[in-house]
C-alpha atoms as a PDB file:
ATOM      1  CA  MET A   1       2.158 -21.892  -5.734  1.00  0.00           C
ATOM      2  CA  PRO A   2       5.262 -20.194  -3.968  1.00  0.00           C
ATOM      3  CA  PRO A   3       5.087 -16.762  -2.756  1.00  0.00           C
ATOM      4  CA  VAL A   4       6.361 -14.055  -5.223  1.00  0.00           C
ATOM      5  CA  LEU A   5       7.777 -12.062  -2.224  1.00  0.00           C
ATOM      6  CA  GLU A   6       8.887 -13.763   1.109  1.00  0.00           C
ATOM      7  CA  PHE A   7      10.272 -12.271   4.065  1.00  0.00           C
ATOM      8  CA  GLU A   8      11.328 -15.297   6.749  1.00  0.00           C
ATOM      9  CA  ASP A   9      12.110 -14.374  10.278  1.00  0.00           C
ATOM     10  CA  ILE A  10      14.203 -11.469   9.202  1.00  0.00           C
ATOM     11  CA  SER A  11      16.026  -8.934  11.456  1.00  0.00           C
ATOM     12  CA  LYS A  12      18.069  -5.881  10.267  1.00  0.00           C
ATOM     13  CA  GLU A  13      20.182  -3.894  12.820  1.00  0.00           C
ATOM     14  CA  TYR A  14      22.262  -0.901  12.174  1.00  0.00           C
ATOM     15  CA  ASN A  15      25.137   0.669  14.293  1.00  0.00           C
ATOM     16  CA  ARG A  16      24.390   3.800  15.585  1.00  0.00           C
ATOM     17  CA  PHE A  17      26.678   6.595  14.475  1.00  0.00           C
ATOM     18  CA  MET A  18      29.256   7.662  17.301  1.00  0.00           C
ATOM     19  CA  GLY A  19      27.750   5.050  19.573  1.00  0.00           C
ATOM     20  CA  SER A  20      27.647   1.813  20.940  1.00  0.00           C
ATOM     21  CA  ARG A  21      23.977   1.083  20.729  1.00  0.00           C
ATOM     22  CA  ARG A  22      22.550  -0.648  17.703  1.00  0.00           C
ATOM     23  CA  VAL A  23      19.442   0.398  15.831  1.00  0.00           C
ATOM     24  CA  VAL A  24      16.870  -2.335  15.044  1.00  0.00           C
ATOM     25  CA  ALA A  25      14.999  -1.472  11.874  1.00  0.00           C
ATOM     26  CA  LEU A  26      13.445  -4.862  11.457  1.00  0.00           C
ATOM     27  CA  GLU A  27      13.085  -7.674  14.283  1.00  0.00           C
ATOM     28  CA  HIS A  28      11.988 -11.107  13.419  1.00  0.00           C
ATOM     29  CA  PHE A  29       9.917  -9.887  10.411  1.00  0.00           C
ATOM     30  CA  SER A  30       7.990 -12.686   8.286  1.00  0.00           C
ATOM     31  CA  LEU A  31       5.665 -11.901   5.550  1.00  0.00           C
ATOM     32  CA  GLU A  32       4.659 -13.736   2.079  1.00  0.00           C
ATOM     33  CA  VAL A  33       3.195 -11.925  -0.831  1.00  0.00           C
ATOM     34  CA  GLN A  34       1.131 -13.990  -3.364  1.00  0.00           C
ATOM     35  CA  ALA A  35       1.193 -13.653  -7.031  1.00  0.00           C
ATOM     36  CA  GLY A  36      -1.473 -11.557  -8.825  1.00  0.00           C
ATOM     37  CA  GLU A  37      -2.608  -9.656  -5.560  1.00  0.00           C
ATOM     38  CA  ILE A  38      -2.189  -5.749  -4.962  1.00  0.00           C
ATOM     39  CA  PHE A  39      -0.373  -5.743  -1.595  1.00  0.00           C
ATOM     40  CA  GLY A  40      -0.347  -2.720   0.627  1.00  0.00           C
ATOM     41  CA  PHE A  41       2.518  -2.338   3.107  1.00  0.00           C
ATOM     42  CA  LEU A  42       1.917   0.283   5.755  1.00  0.00           C
ATOM     43  CA  GLY A  43       3.442   1.885   8.793  1.00  0.00           C
ATOM     44  CA  PRO A  44       4.602   5.349  10.400  1.00  0.00           C
ATOM     45  CA  ASN A  45       7.905   6.905   9.911  1.00  0.00           C
ATOM     46  CA  GLY A  46      10.826   4.673  10.960  1.00  0.00           C
ATOM     47  CA  ALA A  47       8.738   1.758  11.002  1.00  0.00           C
ATOM     48  CA  GLY A  48      11.372  -0.255   8.665  1.00  0.00           C
ATOM     49  CA  LYS A  49       9.123  -0.283   5.348  1.00  0.00           C
ATOM     50  CA  THR A  50      11.883   1.071   3.208  1.00  0.00           C
ATOM     51  CA  THR A  51      14.567  -1.227   5.037  1.00  0.00           C
ATOM     52  CA  ALA A  52      12.377  -4.350   3.872  1.00  0.00           C
ATOM     53  CA  ILE A  53      12.032  -3.126   0.166  1.00  0.00           C
ATOM     54  CA  HIS A  54      15.871  -2.382   0.165  1.00  0.00           C
ATOM     55  CA  LEU A  55      16.583  -6.054   1.571  1.00  0.00           C
ATOM     56  CA  ALA A  56      14.198  -7.264  -0.960  1.00  0.00           C
ATOM     57  CA  MET A  57      16.088  -5.378  -3.906  1.00  0.00           C
ATOM     58  CA  GLY A  58      19.440  -6.620  -2.658  1.00  0.00           C
ATOM     59  CA  PHE A  59      20.652  -3.051  -1.695  1.00  0.00           C
ATOM     60  CA  MET A  60      21.463  -4.444   1.802  1.00  0.00           C
ATOM     61  CA  ARG A  61      21.574  -7.842   3.636  1.00  0.00           C
ATOM     62  CA  SER A  62      19.800  -8.710   6.632  1.00  0.00           C
ATOM     63  CA  THR A  63      21.492  -9.174  10.025  1.00  0.00           C
ATOM     64  CA  ARG A  64      19.505 -12.292  10.548  1.00  0.00           C
ATOM     65  CA  GLY A  65      16.805 -14.324   8.440  1.00  0.00           C
ATOM     66  CA  ARG A  66      16.286 -15.177   4.972  1.00  0.00           C
ATOM     67  CA  GLY A  67      14.159 -13.721   1.869  1.00  0.00           C
ATOM     68  CA  ARG A  68      13.279 -14.698  -1.634  1.00  0.00           C
ATOM     69  CA  MET A  69      11.783 -12.859  -4.416  1.00  0.00           C
ATOM     70  CA  LEU A  70      10.332 -14.552  -7.207  1.00  0.00           C
ATOM     71  CA  GLY A  71      12.049 -17.936  -6.272  1.00  0.00           C
ATOM     72  CA  LYS A  72      15.443 -16.396  -5.867  1.00  0.00           C
ATOM     73  CA  THR A  73      17.527 -15.199  -2.819  1.00  0.00           C
ATOM     74  CA  PHE A  74      17.416 -11.500  -2.168  1.00  0.00           C
ATOM     75  CA  GLY A  75      19.437  -9.501  -4.263  1.00  0.00           C
ATOM     76  CA  ASP A  76      19.474 -12.382  -7.342  1.00  0.00           C
ATOM     77  CA  ALA A  77      20.137 -10.382 -10.540  1.00  0.00           C
ATOM     78  CA  ARG A  78      18.115 -12.709 -12.566  1.00  0.00           C
ATOM     79  CA  ALA A  79      15.096 -12.247 -10.153  1.00  0.00           C
ATOM     80  CA  ARG A  80      15.721  -8.286 -10.193  1.00  0.00           C
ATOM     81  CA  SER A  81      15.527  -8.254 -13.938  1.00  0.00           C
ATOM     82  CA  ARG A  82      12.026  -9.437 -13.690  1.00  0.00           C
ATOM     83  CA  VAL A  83      10.932  -6.668 -11.181  1.00  0.00           C
ATOM     84  CA  GLY A  84       9.807  -3.027 -11.492  1.00  0.00           C
ATOM     85  CA  PHE A  85      10.939  -0.744  -8.861  1.00  0.00           C
ATOM     86  CA  LEU A  86      10.046   2.848  -7.793  1.00  0.00           C
ATOM     87  CA  ALA A  87      11.965   4.455  -5.209  1.00  0.00           C
ATOM     88  CA  GLU A  88      10.335   7.125  -2.644  1.00  0.00           C
ATOM     89  CA  ASN A  89      12.532   9.727  -3.768  1.00  0.00           C
ATOM     90  CA  VAL A  90      12.671   9.728  -7.532  1.00  0.00           C
ATOM     91  CA  ALA A  91      16.000  10.845  -9.032  1.00  0.00           C
ATOM     92  CA  LEU A  92      16.058  11.086 -12.860  1.00  0.00           C
ATOM     93  CA  TYR A  93      18.762  12.237 -15.356  1.00  0.00           C
ATOM     94  CA  HIS A  94      17.847  15.488 -17.310  1.00  0.00           C
ATOM     95  CA  ARG A  95      16.985  14.268 -20.382  1.00  0.00           C
ATOM     96  CA  PRO A  96      13.661  13.983 -22.493  1.00  0.00           C
ATOM     97  CA  ALA A  97      11.049  11.615 -20.974  1.00  0.00           C
ATOM     98  CA  GLU A  98      10.915   9.174 -23.829  1.00  0.00           C
ATOM     99  CA  GLN A  99      14.713   8.944 -24.102  1.00  0.00           C
ATOM    100  CA  LEU A 100      15.074   8.409 -20.432  1.00  0.00           C
ATOM    101  CA  VAL A 101      12.458   6.001 -20.234  1.00  0.00           C
ATOM    102  CA  ARG A 102      14.097   4.020 -23.159  1.00  0.00           C
ATOM    103  CA  PHE A 103      17.584   4.093 -21.276  1.00  0.00           C
ATOM    104  CA  TYR A 104      16.166   2.405 -18.599  1.00  0.00           C
ATOM    105  CA  GLY A 105      14.566  -0.093 -20.860  1.00  0.00           C
ATOM    106  CA  ALA A 106      17.867  -0.922 -22.645  1.00  0.00           C
ATOM    107  CA  LEU A 107      19.248  -1.349 -19.083  1.00  0.00           C
ATOM    108  CA  ASN A 108      16.756  -4.316 -19.041  1.00  0.00           C
ATOM    109  CA  ASN A 109      17.864  -5.807 -22.171  1.00  0.00           C
ATOM    110  CA  LEU A 110      15.052  -4.246 -24.616  1.00  0.00           C
ATOM    111  CA  LYS A 111      16.158  -3.203 -27.936  1.00  0.00           C
ATOM    112  CA  GLY A 112      14.925  -2.042 -31.228  1.00  0.00           C
ATOM    113  CA  LYS A 113      11.381  -1.749 -32.022  1.00  0.00           C
ATOM    114  CA  LEU A 114      10.218  -3.264 -28.787  1.00  0.00           C
ATOM    115  CA  LEU A 115      12.197  -0.769 -26.643  1.00  0.00           C
ATOM    116  CA  LYS A 116      10.724   2.178 -28.547  1.00  0.00           C
ATOM    117  CA  SER A 117       6.962   0.972 -28.429  1.00  0.00           C
ATOM    118  CA  ARG A 118       7.385   0.001 -24.853  1.00  0.00           C
ATOM    119  CA  ALA A 119       8.629   3.334 -23.801  1.00  0.00           C
ATOM    120  CA  ARG A 120       5.641   4.979 -25.697  1.00  0.00           C
ATOM    121  CA  GLU A 121       3.207   2.594 -24.261  1.00  0.00           C
ATOM    122  CA  VAL A 122       4.217   3.028 -20.490  1.00  0.00           C
ATOM    123  CA  LEU A 123       4.426   6.909 -20.892  1.00  0.00           C
ATOM    124  CA  GLU A 124       0.985   6.600 -22.353  1.00  0.00           C
ATOM    125  CA  ALA A 125      -0.194   4.572 -19.323  1.00  0.00           C
ATOM    126  CA  VAL A 126       0.885   7.126 -17.067  1.00  0.00           C
ATOM    127  CA  GLY A 127      -0.586  10.117 -18.831  1.00  0.00           C
ATOM    128  CA  LEU A 128       2.700  11.643 -20.309  1.00  0.00           C
ATOM    129  CA  ASP A 129       2.278  10.715 -23.761  1.00  0.00           C
ATOM    130  CA  GLN A 130       2.151  14.173 -24.935  1.00  0.00           C
ATOM    131  CA  GLU A 131       5.152  15.313 -22.833  1.00  0.00           C
ATOM    132  CA  ALA A 132       7.476  12.679 -24.282  1.00  0.00           C
ATOM    133  CA  ARG A 133       9.896  15.041 -25.759  1.00  0.00           C
ATOM    134  CA  ARG A 134       9.782  17.452 -22.844  1.00  0.00           C
ATOM    135  CA  ASN A 135      12.997  17.429 -20.548  1.00  0.00           C
ATOM    136  CA  VAL A 136      12.238  16.121 -17.193  1.00  0.00           C
ATOM    137  CA  ALA A 137      14.076  18.766 -15.568  1.00  0.00           C
ATOM    138  CA  LYS A 138      11.150  21.052 -16.472  1.00  0.00           C
ATOM    139  CA  PHE A 139       8.649  18.463 -14.900  1.00  0.00           C
ATOM    140  CA  SER A 140       6.830  19.165 -11.761  1.00  0.00           C
ATOM    141  CA  ARG A 141       7.503  16.688  -8.867  1.00  0.00           C
ATOM    142  CA  GLY A 142       4.067  14.556  -9.771  1.00  0.00           C
ATOM    143  CA  MET A 143       4.993  14.428 -13.471  1.00  0.00           C
ATOM    144  CA  GLN A 144       8.852  13.225 -12.461  1.00  0.00           C
ATOM    145  CA  GLN A 145       6.849  10.845 -10.153  1.00  0.00           C
ATOM    146  CA  ARG A 146       5.045   9.368 -13.084  1.00  0.00           C
ATOM    147  CA  VAL A 147       8.251   9.205 -15.399  1.00  0.00           C
ATOM    148  CA  GLY A 148       9.676   6.923 -12.633  1.00  0.00           C
ATOM    149  CA  LEU A 149       6.553   4.713 -12.698  1.00  0.00           C
ATOM    150  CA  ALA A 150       6.890   4.305 -16.417  1.00  0.00           C
ATOM    151  CA  GLN A 151      10.606   3.059 -16.040  1.00  0.00           C
ATOM    152  CA  ALA A 152       9.200   0.818 -13.447  1.00  0.00           C
ATOM    153  CA  LEU A 153       6.871  -0.674 -16.038  1.00  0.00           C
ATOM    154  CA  VAL A 154       9.135  -0.340 -19.174  1.00  0.00           C
ATOM    155  CA  ASN A 155      10.420  -4.019 -18.757  1.00  0.00           C
ATOM    156  CA  ASP A 156       6.892  -5.590 -18.291  1.00  0.00           C
ATOM    157  CA  PRO A 157       7.745  -6.959 -14.861  1.00  0.00           C
ATOM    158  CA  GLU A 158       6.177  -9.728 -13.147  1.00  0.00           C
ATOM    159  CA  LEU A 159       6.380  -7.843  -9.693  1.00  0.00           C
ATOM    160  CA  LEU A 160       6.334  -4.168  -8.942  1.00  0.00           C
ATOM    161  CA  ILE A 161       7.696  -2.448  -6.015  1.00  0.00           C
ATOM    162  CA  LEU A 162       6.278   0.884  -5.527  1.00  0.00           C
ATOM    163  CA  ASP A 163       7.757   3.135  -2.442  1.00  0.00           C
ATOM    164  CA  GLU A 164       5.023   6.105  -2.375  1.00  0.00           C
ATOM    165  CA  PRO A 165       4.120   6.055  -6.013  1.00  0.00           C
ATOM    166  CA  THR A 166       1.477   8.622  -5.518  1.00  0.00           C
ATOM    167  CA  SER A 167       2.643  10.782  -2.854  1.00  0.00           C
ATOM    168  CA  ALA A 168       3.157  13.854  -5.179  1.00  0.00           C
ATOM    169  CA  LEU A 169       0.448  13.197  -7.514  1.00  0.00           C
ATOM    170  CA  ASP A 170      -2.590  15.430  -7.947  1.00  0.00           C
ATOM    171  CA  PRO A 171      -6.311  13.768  -7.446  1.00  0.00           C
ATOM    172  CA  VAL A 172      -6.798  13.213 -11.227  1.00  0.00           C
ATOM    173  CA  ALA A 173      -3.275  11.753 -11.580  1.00  0.00           C
ATOM    174  CA  ARG A 174      -4.015   9.413  -8.528  1.00  0.00           C
ATOM    175  CA  VAL A 175      -7.096   7.964 -10.216  1.00  0.00           C
ATOM    176  CA  LYS A 176      -5.268   7.170 -13.391  1.00  0.00           C
ATOM    177  CA  ILE A 177      -2.437   5.288 -11.670  1.00  0.00           C
ATOM    178  CA  ARG A 178      -5.134   3.536  -9.385  1.00  0.00           C
ATOM    179  CA  SER A 179      -6.647   2.402 -12.610  1.00  0.00           C
ATOM    180  CA  LEU A 180      -3.302   1.588 -13.979  1.00  0.00           C
ATOM    181  CA  LEU A 181      -2.572  -0.665 -10.859  1.00  0.00           C
ATOM    182  CA  LEU A 182      -5.610  -2.544 -11.103  1.00  0.00           C
ATOM    183  CA  SER A 183      -4.972  -3.308 -14.690  1.00  0.00           C
ATOM    184  CA  VAL A 184      -1.451  -4.561 -13.951  1.00  0.00           C
ATOM    185  CA  ARG A 185      -2.977  -6.828 -11.497  1.00  0.00           C
ATOM    186  CA  ASP A 186      -5.951  -8.039 -13.804  1.00  0.00           C
ATOM    187  CA  ALA A 187      -2.852  -9.094 -16.178  1.00  0.00           C
ATOM    188  CA  GLY A 188      -1.754 -11.489 -13.539  1.00  0.00           C
ATOM    189  CA  LYS A 189       1.245  -9.466 -12.201  1.00  0.00           C
ATOM    190  CA  THR A 190       2.040  -8.696  -8.559  1.00  0.00           C
ATOM    191  CA  VAL A 191       2.221  -5.096  -7.053  1.00  0.00           C
ATOM    192  CA  PHE A 192       3.962  -4.523  -3.745  1.00  0.00           C
ATOM    193  CA  LEU A 193       2.816  -1.149  -2.685  1.00  0.00           C
ATOM    194  CA  SER A 194       4.221   1.119   0.299  1.00  0.00           C
ATOM    195  CA  SER A 195       2.251   4.009   0.750  1.00  0.00           C
ATOM    196  CA  HIS A 196       0.845   6.330   3.484  1.00  0.00           C
ATOM    197  CA  LEU A 197      -2.208   7.435   1.347  1.00  0.00           C
ATOM    198  CA  LEU A 198      -4.653   4.828   3.501  1.00  0.00           C
ATOM    199  CA  SER A 199      -7.821   5.924   1.347  1.00  0.00           C
ATOM    200  CA  GLU A 200      -5.937   4.751  -1.831  1.00  0.00           C
ATOM    201  CA  VAL A 201      -4.607   1.677  -0.328  1.00  0.00           C
ATOM    202  CA  GLU A 202      -8.366   0.898   0.780  1.00  0.00           C
ATOM    203  CA  LEU A 203      -9.383   1.202  -2.720  1.00  0.00           C
ATOM    204  CA  VAL A 204      -6.769  -0.924  -4.697  1.00  0.00           C
ATOM    205  CA  CYS A 205      -5.007  -3.239  -2.368  1.00  0.00           C
ATOM    206  CA  ASP A 206      -6.302  -7.052  -1.757  1.00  0.00           C
ATOM    207  CA  ARG A 207      -4.324  -7.452   1.455  1.00  0.00           C
ATOM    208  CA  VAL A 208      -2.588  -5.107   3.855  1.00  0.00           C
ATOM    209  CA  ALA A 209       0.505  -5.606   6.321  1.00  0.00           C
ATOM    210  CA  MET A 210       1.122  -2.832   9.009  1.00  0.00           C
ATOM    211  CA  LEU A 211       4.533  -2.617  10.239  1.00  0.00           C
ATOM    212  CA  ASN A 212       5.445  -0.675  13.562  1.00  0.00           C
ATOM    213  CA  LYS A 213       8.862  -0.670  15.276  1.00  0.00           C
ATOM    214  CA  GLY A 214      10.080  -3.173  12.905  1.00  0.00           C
ATOM    215  CA  ARG A 215       7.612  -5.488  13.539  1.00  0.00           C
ATOM    216  CA  LEU A 216       4.427  -6.780  12.019  1.00  0.00           C
ATOM    217  CA  VAL A 217       1.368  -5.797  13.975  1.00  0.00           C
ATOM    218  CA  LYS A 218      -1.429  -6.395  11.327  1.00  0.00           C
ATOM    219  CA  LEU A 219      -2.093  -8.516   8.339  1.00  0.00           C
ATOM    220  CA  GLY A 220      -5.046  -9.581   6.278  1.00  0.00           C
ATOM    221  CA  LYS A 221      -7.529  -8.978   3.453  1.00  0.00           C
ATOM    222  CA  THR A 222      -8.415  -5.263   3.100  1.00  0.00           C
ATOM    223  CA  SER A 223     -12.148  -6.068   3.216  1.00  0.00           C
ATOM    224  CA  GLU A 224     -12.135  -8.092   6.365  1.00  0.00           C
ATOM    225  CA  LEU A 225     -10.027  -5.540   8.011  1.00  0.00           C
ATOM    226  CA  LEU A 226     -12.619  -2.815   7.189  1.00  0.00           C
ATOM    227  CA  GLN A 227     -15.387  -5.081   8.452  1.00  0.00           C
ATOM    228  CA  SER A 228     -13.765  -6.419  11.554  1.00  0.00           C
ATOM    229  CA  GLY A 229     -17.133  -7.991  12.808  1.00  0.00           C
ATOM    230  CA  GLN A 230     -16.547  -6.551  16.199  1.00  0.00           C
ATOM    231  CA  GLU A 231     -19.302  -4.125  16.204  1.00  0.00           C
ATOM    232  CA  MET A 232     -22.796  -4.106  14.579  1.00  0.00           C
ATOM    233  CA  GLU A 233     -24.727  -0.701  13.446  1.00  0.00           C
ATOM    234  CA  ILE A 234     -28.137  -0.969  13.861  1.00  0.00           C
ATOM    235  CA  VAL A 235     -30.619   1.254  12.249  1.00  0.00           C
ATOM    236  CA  ALA A 236     -34.120   1.478  13.716  1.00  0.00           C
ATOM    237  CA  ARG A 237     -37.744   3.546  13.473  1.00  0.00           C
ATOM    238  CA  GLY A 238     -40.183   4.435  16.004  1.00  0.00           C
ATOM    239  CA  ILE A 239     -37.601   4.769  19.110  1.00  0.00           C
ATOM    240  CA  ARG A 240     -35.891   7.846  20.620  1.00  0.00           C
ATOM    241  CA  ALA A 241     -32.161   8.184  20.079  1.00  0.00           C
ATOM    242  CA  ALA A 242     -32.014   8.853  23.864  1.00  0.00           C
ATOM    243  CA  SER A 243     -32.719   5.365  24.401  1.00  0.00           C
ATOM    244  CA  PHE A 244     -29.245   4.050  23.186  1.00  0.00           C
ATOM    245  CA  PRO A 245     -25.893   5.585  24.199  1.00  0.00           C
ATOM    246  CA  GLY A 246     -24.148   7.431  21.328  1.00  0.00           C
ATOM    247  CA  ALA A 247     -27.219   6.972  18.975  1.00  0.00           C
ATOM    248  CA  SER A 248     -28.000   9.671  16.294  1.00  0.00           C
ATOM    249  CA  ALA A 249     -31.192  10.251  14.745  1.00  0.00           C
ATOM    250  CA  ALA A 250     -31.827  11.533  11.130  1.00  0.00           C
ATOM    251  CA  ASP A 251     -34.708  11.513   8.700  1.00  0.00           C
ATOM    252  CA  GLY A 252     -36.933   9.279  11.242  1.00  0.00           C
ATOM    253  CA  ALA A 253     -34.399   6.850  11.798  1.00  0.00           C
ATOM    254  CA  VAL A 254     -32.442   6.140  14.745  1.00  0.00           C
ATOM    255  CA  ARG A 255     -28.765   4.779  14.447  1.00  0.00           C
ATOM    256  CA  PHE A 256     -26.380   3.272  16.782  1.00  0.00           C
ATOM    257  CA  ALA A 257     -23.445   0.556  17.394  1.00  0.00           C
ATOM    258  CA  VAL A 258     -22.904  -2.172  19.680  1.00  0.00           C
ATOM    259  CA  PRO A 259     -20.434  -4.702  20.255  1.00  0.00           C
ATOM    260  CA  VAL A 260     -21.396  -8.144  18.676  1.00  0.00           C
ATOM    261  CA  SER A 261     -21.877  -9.768  22.163  1.00  0.00           C
ATOM    262  CA  GLN A 262     -24.804  -7.095  22.870  1.00  0.00           C
ATOM    263  CA  GLN A 263     -26.492  -7.279  19.505  1.00  0.00           C
ATOM    264  CA  LYS A 264     -29.194  -9.632  20.435  1.00  0.00           C
ATOM    265  CA  SER A 265     -30.032  -7.445  23.676  1.00  0.00           C
ATOM    266  CA  ALA A 266     -29.838  -4.385  21.566  1.00  0.00           C
ATOM    267  CA  LEU A 267     -32.413  -5.720  18.960  1.00  0.00           C
ATOM    268  CA  GLU A 268     -34.795  -6.851  21.873  1.00  0.00           C
ATOM    269  CA  ARG A 269     -34.727  -3.618  23.440  1.00  0.00           C
ATOM    270  CA  VAL A 270     -35.540  -1.945  20.105  1.00  0.00           C
ATOM    271  CA  TRP A 271     -38.664  -4.292  19.948  1.00  0.00           C
ATOM    272  CA  ASP A 272     -39.493  -3.811  23.665  1.00  0.00           C
ATOM    273  CA  LEU A 273     -39.662  -0.144  22.871  1.00  0.00           C
ATOM    274  CA  GLY A 274     -42.197  -0.576  20.138  1.00  0.00           C
ATOM    275  CA  GLY A 275     -39.515   0.102  17.313  1.00  0.00           C
ATOM    276  CA  GLU A 276     -38.712  -1.399  14.247  1.00  0.00           C
ATOM    277  CA  VAL A 277     -35.485  -2.682  12.864  1.00  0.00           C
ATOM    278  CA  VAL A 278     -34.588  -1.356   9.765  1.00  0.00           C
ATOM    279  CA  SER A 279     -31.130  -2.953   9.066  1.00  0.00           C
ATOM    280  CA  VAL A 280     -28.148  -4.569  10.903  1.00  0.00           C
ATOM    281  CA  ASN A 281     -24.655  -4.401   9.501  1.00  0.00           C
ATOM    282  CA  PRO A 282     -21.008  -4.594  10.630  1.00  0.00           C
ATOM    283  CA  VAL A 283     -19.426  -1.437  11.192  1.00  0.00           C
ATOM    284  CA  ARG A 284     -17.092  -0.354   8.824  1.00  0.00           C
ATOM    285  CA  HIS A 285     -13.696   0.908   9.856  1.00  0.00           C
ATOM    286  CA  SER A 286     -11.201   2.923   7.907  1.00  0.00           C
ATOM    287  CA  LEU A 287      -7.496   1.772   7.471  1.00  0.00           C
ATOM    288  CA  GLU A 288      -6.721   4.864   9.112  1.00  0.00           C
ATOM    289  CA  GLN A 289      -8.790   3.875  12.592  1.00  0.00           C
ATOM    290  CA  ILE A 290      -7.286   0.515  12.280  1.00  0.00           C
ATOM    291  CA  PHE A 291      -3.739   1.633  11.947  1.00  0.00           C
ATOM    292  CA  LEU A 292      -4.163   4.253  14.898  1.00  0.00           C
ATOM    293  CA  GLN A 293      -5.609   1.625  16.998  1.00  0.00           C
ATOM    294  CA  VAL A 294      -2.518  -0.946  16.206  1.00  0.00           C
ATOM    295  CA  THR A 295       0.200   1.503  16.333  1.00  0.00           C
ATOM    296  CA  GLY A 296      -1.157   3.070  19.379  1.00  0.00           C
ATOM    297  CA  GLN A 297      -0.499   6.712  17.914  1.00  0.00           C
ATOM    298  CA  GLN A 298      -2.719   9.825  17.956  1.00  0.00           C
ATOM    299  CA  PRO A 299      -3.857  11.297  14.808  1.00  0.00           C
ATOM    300  CA  GLU A 300      -1.320  14.270  15.032  1.00  0.00           C
ATOM    301  CA  GLN A 301       1.223  11.735  15.309  1.00  0.00           C
ATOM    302  CA  SER A 302       0.313   9.397  12.709  1.00  0.00           C
ATOM    303  CA  ALA A 303       3.300  10.512  10.027  1.00  0.00           C
ATOM    304  CA  LEU A 304       2.905   7.796   7.706  1.00  0.00           C
ATOM    305  CA  GLY A 305       4.839   9.746   4.719  1.00  0.00           C
ATOM    306  CA  ASP A 306       8.475   9.956   4.343  1.00  0.00           C
ATOM    307  CA  GLY A 307      11.040   7.610   5.983  1.00  0.00           C
ATOM    308  CA  GLY A 308      10.950   3.849   6.333  1.00  0.00           C
END
């Protein structure tokens, strides 16, 4: 099956204002997103994430390379009609929520009873069915974000492209949206999710890509990235923590991590000391740790939020 979303050796350059140098937003960027997955798209400010999304939606053209969405060249109107899109900064007309969602549904050729039922269905899905008659101008930013997600869902899209969909939501709303995205995937649809909330990405994304300075620096299944297998955690009893660098002791057990290449010698040392091995497991890393490693940023520098 062909990819749902494909970037093929794409570069995008901008002319710098009042200067001769060009700004490179994407450089030789290639990526494939498969049908039926939730795909996480990560990177610091200015990495090129929003640029990549705008290219896919046809809002701009690449300098070099090519891309396809749902089998069509980027910008194809027929392909876009099968896509739901939520921009990072939601701008909504000041209308009642249901009326607004129906307006967007009508733009996607929904009519009559189907349009009315879909509008109500997606507002319920994002937890705003009780607010359907309220003007969105009176909504909080988080509620407006959920209206934006509702409009992205109203045409029952095959592909959802979401740029920071949960950035303004409270924890309860995030749980609801997380469940919604999983149900969308379970229905056979595809979600392309750009987010700076790495803990959320860990919970819902099947695969992730990390972008830095316009280049792809990491790609893989989320589960495999979190358990890279480069280190093993050993838990043992009957030994002292001081016998192993970096070890900690709690509840009568000693816990420490070693590189895979040193696993055998570490286990033998535990046994030589008269200890008992309780467990040996791959060290689980967080996406934040992986992100900081591949981008070379410090925690205080890792601004993953606004910007592309």
